[in-house]
């Protein structure tokens, strides 16, 4: 079974979180996701995150907090998501590798269709951001 490590960015700006919609012809086409992607050999998670954000959206973000990794067993591979809470530091998201991007209120994440590996993570993110504000 193939193992994949993916660094993903939970980017915040003015209390909202950036989500991107996958292109229709991608795996999970039309689903929403947090930007990021697979770590390449020899990269740290932070380096993978920076590269993916630049390649996919033309932006830079600063990781502020690492969430617990999320392991999900798909039929073709075991994916470990390494989510980082990030602050946008440079650029406006461009639709390079996705068909849409939106800034959403954390509780509204529940209204978007994400791949299965993200489901538990969404609740963790909402709880973390609500606790941070109070």
N, C-alpha and C. Protein backbone atom coordinates (compact mmCIF):
# COMPACT_ATOMS: atom_id res chain seq x y z
N UNK A 1 0.86 -1.19 0.00
CA UNK A 1 0.00 0.00 0.00
C UNK A 1 0.89 1.24 0.00
N UNK A 2 0.60 2.14 -0.90
CA UNK A 2 1.36 3.37 -1.03
C UNK A 2 1.07 4.28 0.17
N UNK A 3 2.11 4.94 0.68
CA UNK A 3 1.93 5.90 1.77
C UNK A 3 2.28 7.29 1.27
N UNK A 4 1.39 8.24 1.56
CA UNK A 4 1.58 9.61 1.09
C UNK A 4 1.49 10.56 2.28
N UNK A 5 2.47 11.45 2.39
CA UNK A 5 2.42 12.53 3.37
C UNK A 5 2.03 13.80 2.63
N UNK A 6 1.02 14.49 3.12
CA UNK A 6 0.59 15.74 2.50
C UNK A 6 0.55 16.84 3.55
N UNK A 7 1.17 17.96 3.21
CA UNK A 7 1.12 19.14 4.08
C UNK A 7 -0.03 20.02 3.60
N UNK A 8 -0.90 20.40 4.52
CA UNK A 8 -2.03 21.25 4.11
C UNK A 8 -2.11 22.49 4.98
N UNK A 9 -2.56 23.57 4.36
CA UNK A 9 -2.61 24.87 5.02
C UNK A 9 -4.05 25.26 5.34
N UNK A 10 -4.29 25.54 6.61
CA UNK A 10 -5.56 26.10 7.04
C UNK A 10 -5.25 27.59 7.19
N UNK A 11 -5.46 28.34 6.10
CA UNK A 11 -5.04 29.74 6.05
C UNK A 11 -6.17 30.64 6.54
N UNK A 12 -5.83 31.49 7.50
CA UNK A 12 -6.84 32.41 8.04
C UNK A 12 -6.54 33.84 7.62
N UNK A 13 -7.62 34.59 7.44
CA UNK A 13 -7.53 36.03 7.20
C UNK A 13 -8.84 36.64 7.67
N UNK A 14 -8.74 37.60 8.57
CA UNK A 14 -9.92 38.29 9.10
C UNK A 14 -10.98 37.31 9.60
N UNK A 15 -10.54 36.26 10.30
CA UNK A 15 -11.48 35.31 10.89
C UNK A 15 -12.04 34.27 9.93
N UNK A 16 -11.67 34.34 8.66
CA UNK A 16 -12.17 33.37 7.67
C UNK A 16 -11.05 32.43 7.25
N UNK A 17 -11.44 31.30 6.65
CA UNK A 17 -10.49 30.27 6.24
C UNK A 17 -10.60 30.08 4.73
N UNK A 18 -9.43 29.92 4.08
CA UNK A 18 -9.38 29.71 2.64
C UNK A 18 -9.63 28.25 2.29
N UNK A 19 -10.62 28.01 1.42
CA UNK A 19 -10.85 26.67 0.88
C UNK A 19 -10.82 26.76 -0.64
N UNK A 20 -10.39 25.67 -1.27
CA UNK A 20 -10.26 25.62 -2.72
C UNK A 20 -11.07 24.45 -3.26
N UNK A 21 -11.65 24.65 -4.44
CA UNK A 21 -12.44 23.58 -5.07
C UNK A 21 -11.58 22.88 -6.12
N UNK A 22 -11.51 21.56 -6.01
CA UNK A 22 -10.71 20.77 -6.94
C UNK A 22 -11.30 20.85 -8.35
N UNK A 23 -10.44 20.79 -9.35
CA UNK A 23 -10.90 20.78 -10.73
C UNK A 23 -11.72 19.52 -10.97
N UNK A 24 -12.72 19.62 -11.85
CA UNK A 24 -13.65 18.51 -12.10
C UNK A 24 -12.95 17.22 -12.51
N UNK A 25 -11.83 17.32 -13.26
CA UNK A 25 -11.17 16.10 -13.76
C UNK A 25 -10.14 15.54 -12.78
N UNK A 26 -9.99 16.14 -11.59
CA UNK A 26 -9.08 15.62 -10.56
C UNK A 26 -9.77 14.50 -9.78
N UNK A 27 -8.98 13.76 -8.99
CA UNK A 27 -9.56 12.85 -8.00
C UNK A 27 -10.40 13.71 -7.06
N UNK A 28 -11.56 13.25 -6.70
CA UNK A 28 -12.49 14.04 -5.88
C UNK A 28 -12.82 15.39 -6.56
N UNK A 29 -12.97 15.35 -7.87
CA UNK A 29 -13.29 16.55 -8.63
C UNK A 29 -14.54 17.24 -8.09
N UNK A 30 -14.48 18.57 -7.93
CA UNK A 30 -15.60 19.33 -7.43
C UNK A 30 -15.66 19.42 -5.91
N UNK A 31 -14.89 18.56 -5.23
CA UNK A 31 -14.84 18.62 -3.76
C UNK A 31 -14.01 19.84 -3.34
N UNK A 32 -14.22 20.27 -2.11
CA UNK A 32 -13.45 21.38 -1.54
C UNK A 32 -12.32 20.81 -0.69
N UNK A 33 -11.27 21.60 -0.53
CA UNK A 33 -10.12 21.14 0.25
C UNK A 33 -9.36 22.35 0.77
N UNK A 34 -8.49 22.07 1.72
CA UNK A 34 -7.54 23.07 2.18
C UNK A 34 -6.35 22.98 1.23
N UNK A 35 -5.75 24.10 0.85
CA UNK A 35 -4.63 24.02 -0.10
C UNK A 35 -3.44 23.29 0.50
N UNK A 36 -2.65 22.70 -0.38
CA UNK A 36 -1.46 21.97 0.04
C UNK A 36 -1.24 20.81 -0.89
N UNK A 37 -0.39 19.88 -0.48
CA UNK A 37 -0.16 18.73 -1.34
C UNK A 37 0.93 17.82 -0.82
N UNK A 38 1.30 16.88 -1.68
CA UNK A 38 2.24 15.83 -1.30
C UNK A 38 3.64 16.36 -1.03
N UNK A 39 4.24 15.79 0.01
CA UNK A 39 5.64 16.10 0.33
C UNK A 39 6.52 15.31 -0.63
N UNK A 40 7.50 15.98 -1.21
CA UNK A 40 8.44 15.30 -2.10
C UNK A 40 9.63 14.83 -1.28
N UNK A 41 10.35 13.86 -1.84
CA UNK A 41 11.50 13.27 -1.15
C UNK A 41 12.50 14.37 -0.76
N UNK A 42 12.92 14.34 0.50
CA UNK A 42 13.91 15.30 0.98
C UNK A 42 13.34 16.62 1.47
N UNK A 43 12.04 16.82 1.32
CA UNK A 43 11.42 18.07 1.77
C UNK A 43 10.92 17.93 3.21
N UNK A 44 10.98 19.03 3.96
CA UNK A 44 10.29 19.06 5.24
C UNK A 44 8.82 19.34 4.93
N UNK A 45 7.95 19.14 5.91
CA UNK A 45 6.54 19.45 5.70
C UNK A 45 6.34 20.93 5.41
N UNK A 46 7.10 21.78 6.12
CA UNK A 46 6.98 23.23 5.91
C UNK A 46 7.43 23.62 4.50
N UNK A 47 8.49 22.97 4.00
CA UNK A 47 8.97 23.25 2.64
C UNK A 47 7.93 22.80 1.61
N UNK A 48 7.33 21.64 1.84
CA UNK A 48 6.29 21.13 0.93
C UNK A 48 5.11 22.09 0.90
N UNK A 49 4.73 22.58 2.08
CA UNK A 49 3.61 23.50 2.18
C UNK A 49 3.89 24.78 1.40
N UNK A 50 5.06 25.35 1.61
CA UNK A 50 5.43 26.60 0.91
C UNK A 50 5.42 26.39 -0.60
N UNK A 51 6.00 25.27 -1.07
CA UNK A 51 6.06 24.98 -2.51
C UNK A 51 4.66 24.81 -3.09
N UNK A 52 3.84 24.02 -2.42
CA UNK A 52 2.49 23.76 -2.92
C UNK A 52 1.64 25.03 -2.98
N UNK A 53 1.73 25.87 -1.95
CA UNK A 53 0.95 27.11 -1.95
C UNK A 53 1.37 28.02 -3.11
N UNK A 54 2.67 28.05 -3.38
CA UNK A 54 3.17 28.88 -4.49
C UNK A 54 2.71 28.29 -5.83
N UNK A 55 2.84 26.96 -5.98
CA UNK A 55 2.46 26.31 -7.25
C UNK A 55 0.96 26.37 -7.52
N UNK A 56 0.15 26.14 -6.48
CA UNK A 56 -1.30 26.01 -6.68
C UNK A 56 -2.03 27.35 -6.67
N UNK A 57 -1.55 28.30 -5.85
CA UNK A 57 -2.31 29.54 -5.64
C UNK A 57 -1.49 30.82 -5.80
N UNK A 58 -0.17 30.70 -5.94
CA UNK A 58 0.67 31.88 -6.06
C UNK A 58 0.71 32.73 -4.80
N UNK A 59 0.63 32.08 -3.63
CA UNK A 59 0.63 32.80 -2.35
C UNK A 59 1.70 32.25 -1.41
N UNK A 60 1.94 32.99 -0.33
CA UNK A 60 2.82 32.53 0.74
C UNK A 60 2.05 32.66 2.05
N UNK A 61 2.32 31.72 2.97
CA UNK A 61 1.66 31.74 4.28
C UNK A 61 2.63 31.25 5.34
N UNK A 62 2.47 31.78 6.52
CA UNK A 62 3.34 31.43 7.64
C UNK A 62 2.63 30.44 8.56
N UNK A 63 3.21 29.22 8.74
CA UNK A 63 2.61 28.26 9.67
C UNK A 63 2.73 28.77 11.11
N UNK A 64 1.58 28.79 11.82
CA UNK A 64 1.54 29.29 13.19
C UNK A 64 1.33 28.17 14.22
N UNK A 65 0.70 27.07 13.77
CA UNK A 65 0.32 25.99 14.69
C UNK A 65 0.18 24.71 13.87
N UNK A 66 0.75 23.63 14.37
CA UNK A 66 0.58 22.34 13.70
C UNK A 66 -0.52 21.55 14.41
N UNK A 67 -1.53 21.12 13.66
CA UNK A 67 -2.57 20.24 14.21
C UNK A 67 -2.05 18.81 14.20
N UNK A 68 -2.73 17.94 14.95
CA UNK A 68 -2.39 16.51 14.93
C UNK A 68 -2.55 15.97 13.51
N UNK A 69 -1.62 15.14 13.04
CA UNK A 69 -1.78 14.54 11.70
C UNK A 69 -3.05 13.69 11.64
N UNK A 70 -3.62 13.62 10.45
CA UNK A 70 -4.83 12.83 10.21
C UNK A 70 -4.45 11.72 9.21
N UNK A 71 -4.65 10.47 9.63
CA UNK A 71 -4.35 9.33 8.75
C UNK A 71 -5.65 8.81 8.18
N UNK A 72 -5.69 8.65 6.86
CA UNK A 72 -6.89 8.12 6.22
C UNK A 72 -6.50 7.03 5.24
N UNK A 73 -7.21 5.92 5.34
CA UNK A 73 -6.93 4.76 4.50
C UNK A 73 -7.87 4.76 3.30
N UNK A 74 -7.36 5.19 2.15
CA UNK A 74 -8.14 5.11 0.91
C UNK A 74 -7.83 3.75 0.28
N UNK A 75 -8.61 3.37 -0.73
CA UNK A 75 -8.39 2.07 -1.37
C UNK A 75 -7.01 1.97 -2.01
N UNK A 76 -6.49 3.08 -2.54
CA UNK A 76 -5.24 3.04 -3.30
C UNK A 76 -4.02 3.45 -2.49
N UNK A 77 -4.21 4.13 -1.36
CA UNK A 77 -3.07 4.62 -0.58
C UNK A 77 -3.51 5.01 0.83
N UNK A 78 -2.52 5.05 1.72
CA UNK A 78 -2.75 5.58 3.06
C UNK A 78 -2.20 7.01 3.04
N UNK A 79 -3.08 7.97 3.30
CA UNK A 79 -2.68 9.38 3.26
C UNK A 79 -2.59 9.91 4.68
N UNK A 80 -1.50 10.57 4.98
CA UNK A 80 -1.37 11.27 6.25
C UNK A 80 -1.37 12.76 5.95
N UNK A 81 -2.42 13.44 6.43
CA UNK A 81 -2.50 14.89 6.27
C UNK A 81 -1.80 15.54 7.45
N UNK A 82 -0.94 16.50 7.15
CA UNK A 82 -0.24 17.25 8.19
C UNK A 82 -0.75 18.69 8.10
N UNK A 83 -1.81 19.02 8.86
CA UNK A 83 -2.41 20.35 8.74
C UNK A 83 -1.70 21.40 9.59
N UNK A 84 -1.53 22.57 9.01
CA UNK A 84 -0.93 23.70 9.71
C UNK A 84 -1.90 24.88 9.65
N UNK A 85 -2.11 25.50 10.80
CA UNK A 85 -2.87 26.75 10.83
C UNK A 85 -1.89 27.82 10.37
N UNK A 86 -2.25 28.57 9.33
CA UNK A 86 -1.33 29.53 8.73
C UNK A 86 -1.96 30.91 8.61
N UNK A 87 -1.09 31.90 8.54
CA UNK A 87 -1.51 33.27 8.29
C UNK A 87 -1.03 33.63 6.89
N UNK A 88 -1.92 34.17 6.07
CA UNK A 88 -1.54 34.61 4.72
C UNK A 88 -0.53 35.73 4.85
N UNK A 89 0.62 35.61 4.18
CA UNK A 89 1.66 36.64 4.29
C UNK A 89 1.91 37.35 2.97
N UNK A 90 1.53 36.71 1.85
CA UNK A 90 1.85 37.32 0.57
C UNK A 90 0.92 36.84 -0.53
N UNK A 91 0.40 37.79 -1.31
CA UNK A 91 -0.38 37.46 -2.49
C UNK A 91 -1.86 37.28 -2.22
N UNK A 92 -2.60 37.26 -3.31
CA UNK A 92 -4.03 36.93 -3.31
C UNK A 92 -4.16 35.60 -4.02
N UNK A 93 -4.98 34.66 -3.51
CA UNK A 93 -5.10 33.35 -4.15
C UNK A 93 -5.49 33.46 -5.63
N UNK A 94 -4.71 32.78 -6.47
CA UNK A 94 -5.00 32.69 -7.91
C UNK A 94 -5.43 31.25 -8.21
N UNK A 95 -6.34 31.08 -9.14
CA UNK A 95 -6.85 29.75 -9.46
C UNK A 95 -5.93 29.06 -10.46
N UNK A 96 -4.78 28.61 -9.97
CA UNK A 96 -3.80 27.94 -10.83
C UNK A 96 -4.12 26.45 -10.92
N UNK A 97 -4.33 25.81 -9.77
CA UNK A 97 -4.59 24.37 -9.73
C UNK A 97 -5.96 24.03 -9.16
N UNK A 98 -6.84 25.01 -9.05
CA UNK A 98 -8.19 24.74 -8.55
C UNK A 98 -9.17 25.57 -9.37
N UNK A 99 -10.45 25.22 -9.28
CA UNK A 99 -11.44 25.94 -10.10
C UNK A 99 -12.15 27.05 -9.34
N UNK A 100 -12.00 27.07 -8.01
CA UNK A 100 -12.61 28.13 -7.21
C UNK A 100 -11.88 28.21 -5.88
N UNK A 101 -11.91 29.39 -5.26
CA UNK A 101 -11.34 29.58 -3.93
C UNK A 101 -12.26 30.55 -3.20
N UNK A 102 -12.53 30.25 -1.93
CA UNK A 102 -13.42 31.10 -1.14
C UNK A 102 -12.88 31.23 0.27
N UNK A 103 -13.14 32.40 0.87
CA UNK A 103 -12.86 32.62 2.29
C UNK A 103 -14.18 32.37 3.03
N UNK A 104 -14.18 31.44 3.98
CA UNK A 104 -15.42 31.08 4.66
C UNK A 104 -15.28 31.17 6.19
N UNK A 105 -16.40 31.45 6.85
CA UNK A 105 -16.42 31.42 8.31
C UNK A 105 -16.19 29.98 8.75
N UNK A 106 -15.39 29.75 9.81
CA UNK A 106 -15.09 28.37 10.22
C UNK A 106 -16.31 27.45 10.33
N UNK A 107 -17.42 27.83 11.03
CA UNK A 107 -18.54 26.88 11.12
C UNK A 107 -19.15 26.52 9.75
N UNK A 108 -18.99 27.41 8.77
CA UNK A 108 -19.55 27.15 7.43
C UNK A 108 -18.78 26.06 6.68
N UNK A 109 -17.61 25.67 7.20
CA UNK A 109 -16.86 24.58 6.56
C UNK A 109 -17.71 23.31 6.47
N UNK A 110 -18.61 23.15 7.43
CA UNK A 110 -19.47 21.95 7.46
C UNK A 110 -20.40 21.89 6.24
N UNK A 111 -20.61 23.02 5.57
CA UNK A 111 -21.53 23.06 4.42
C UNK A 111 -20.84 22.73 3.10
N UNK A 112 -19.53 22.51 3.13
CA UNK A 112 -18.77 22.21 1.91
C UNK A 112 -18.46 20.73 1.86
N UNK A 113 -18.42 20.18 0.66
CA UNK A 113 -18.13 18.74 0.49
C UNK A 113 -16.62 18.56 0.37
N UNK A 114 -16.03 17.96 1.40
CA UNK A 114 -14.59 17.69 1.46
C UNK A 114 -14.33 16.19 1.26
N UNK A 115 -13.12 15.80 0.81
CA UNK A 115 -12.78 14.37 0.79
C UNK A 115 -12.86 13.79 2.20
N UNK A 116 -13.11 12.48 2.31
CA UNK A 116 -13.32 11.86 3.63
C UNK A 116 -12.22 12.13 4.66
N UNK A 117 -10.98 12.22 4.25
CA UNK A 117 -9.88 12.42 5.21
C UNK A 117 -10.01 13.73 5.98
N UNK A 118 -10.77 14.69 5.45
CA UNK A 118 -10.87 16.01 6.09
C UNK A 118 -11.98 16.13 7.13
N UNK A 119 -12.88 15.16 7.19
CA UNK A 119 -14.08 15.32 8.01
C UNK A 119 -13.80 15.61 9.48
N UNK A 120 -12.97 14.80 10.13
CA UNK A 120 -12.66 15.01 11.55
C UNK A 120 -11.85 16.29 11.73
N UNK A 121 -10.99 16.57 10.77
CA UNK A 121 -10.13 17.76 10.84
C UNK A 121 -10.97 19.04 10.88
N UNK A 122 -12.04 19.08 10.13
CA UNK A 122 -12.89 20.27 10.08
C UNK A 122 -13.41 20.61 11.48
N UNK A 123 -13.86 19.60 12.21
CA UNK A 123 -14.36 19.85 13.58
C UNK A 123 -13.23 20.33 14.49
N UNK A 124 -12.03 19.78 14.33
CA UNK A 124 -10.86 20.20 15.11
C UNK A 124 -10.55 21.67 14.84
N UNK A 125 -10.57 22.05 13.57
CA UNK A 125 -10.27 23.44 13.18
C UNK A 125 -11.30 24.40 13.77
N UNK A 126 -12.57 24.06 13.63
CA UNK A 126 -13.64 24.92 14.16
C UNK A 126 -13.46 25.10 15.66
N UNK A 127 -13.26 24.01 16.38
CA UNK A 127 -13.10 24.08 17.84
C UNK A 127 -11.88 24.92 18.22
N UNK A 128 -10.77 24.73 17.49
CA UNK A 128 -9.54 25.46 17.79
C UNK A 128 -9.73 26.97 17.59
N UNK A 129 -10.36 27.34 16.48
CA UNK A 129 -10.52 28.77 16.18
C UNK A 129 -11.54 29.43 17.11
N UNK A 130 -12.58 28.71 17.50
CA UNK A 130 -13.55 29.26 18.43
C UNK A 130 -12.89 29.46 19.81
N UNK A 131 -12.09 28.49 20.23
CA UNK A 131 -11.40 28.60 21.53
C UNK A 131 -10.40 29.77 21.50
N UNK A 132 -9.76 29.97 20.36
CA UNK A 132 -8.76 31.03 20.23
C UNK A 132 -9.40 32.42 20.34
N UNK A 133 -10.63 32.53 19.87
CA UNK A 133 -11.32 33.83 19.88
C UNK A 133 -11.88 34.17 21.26
N UNK A 134 -12.14 33.15 22.08
CA UNK A 134 -12.79 33.45 23.37
C UNK A 134 -11.79 33.74 24.47
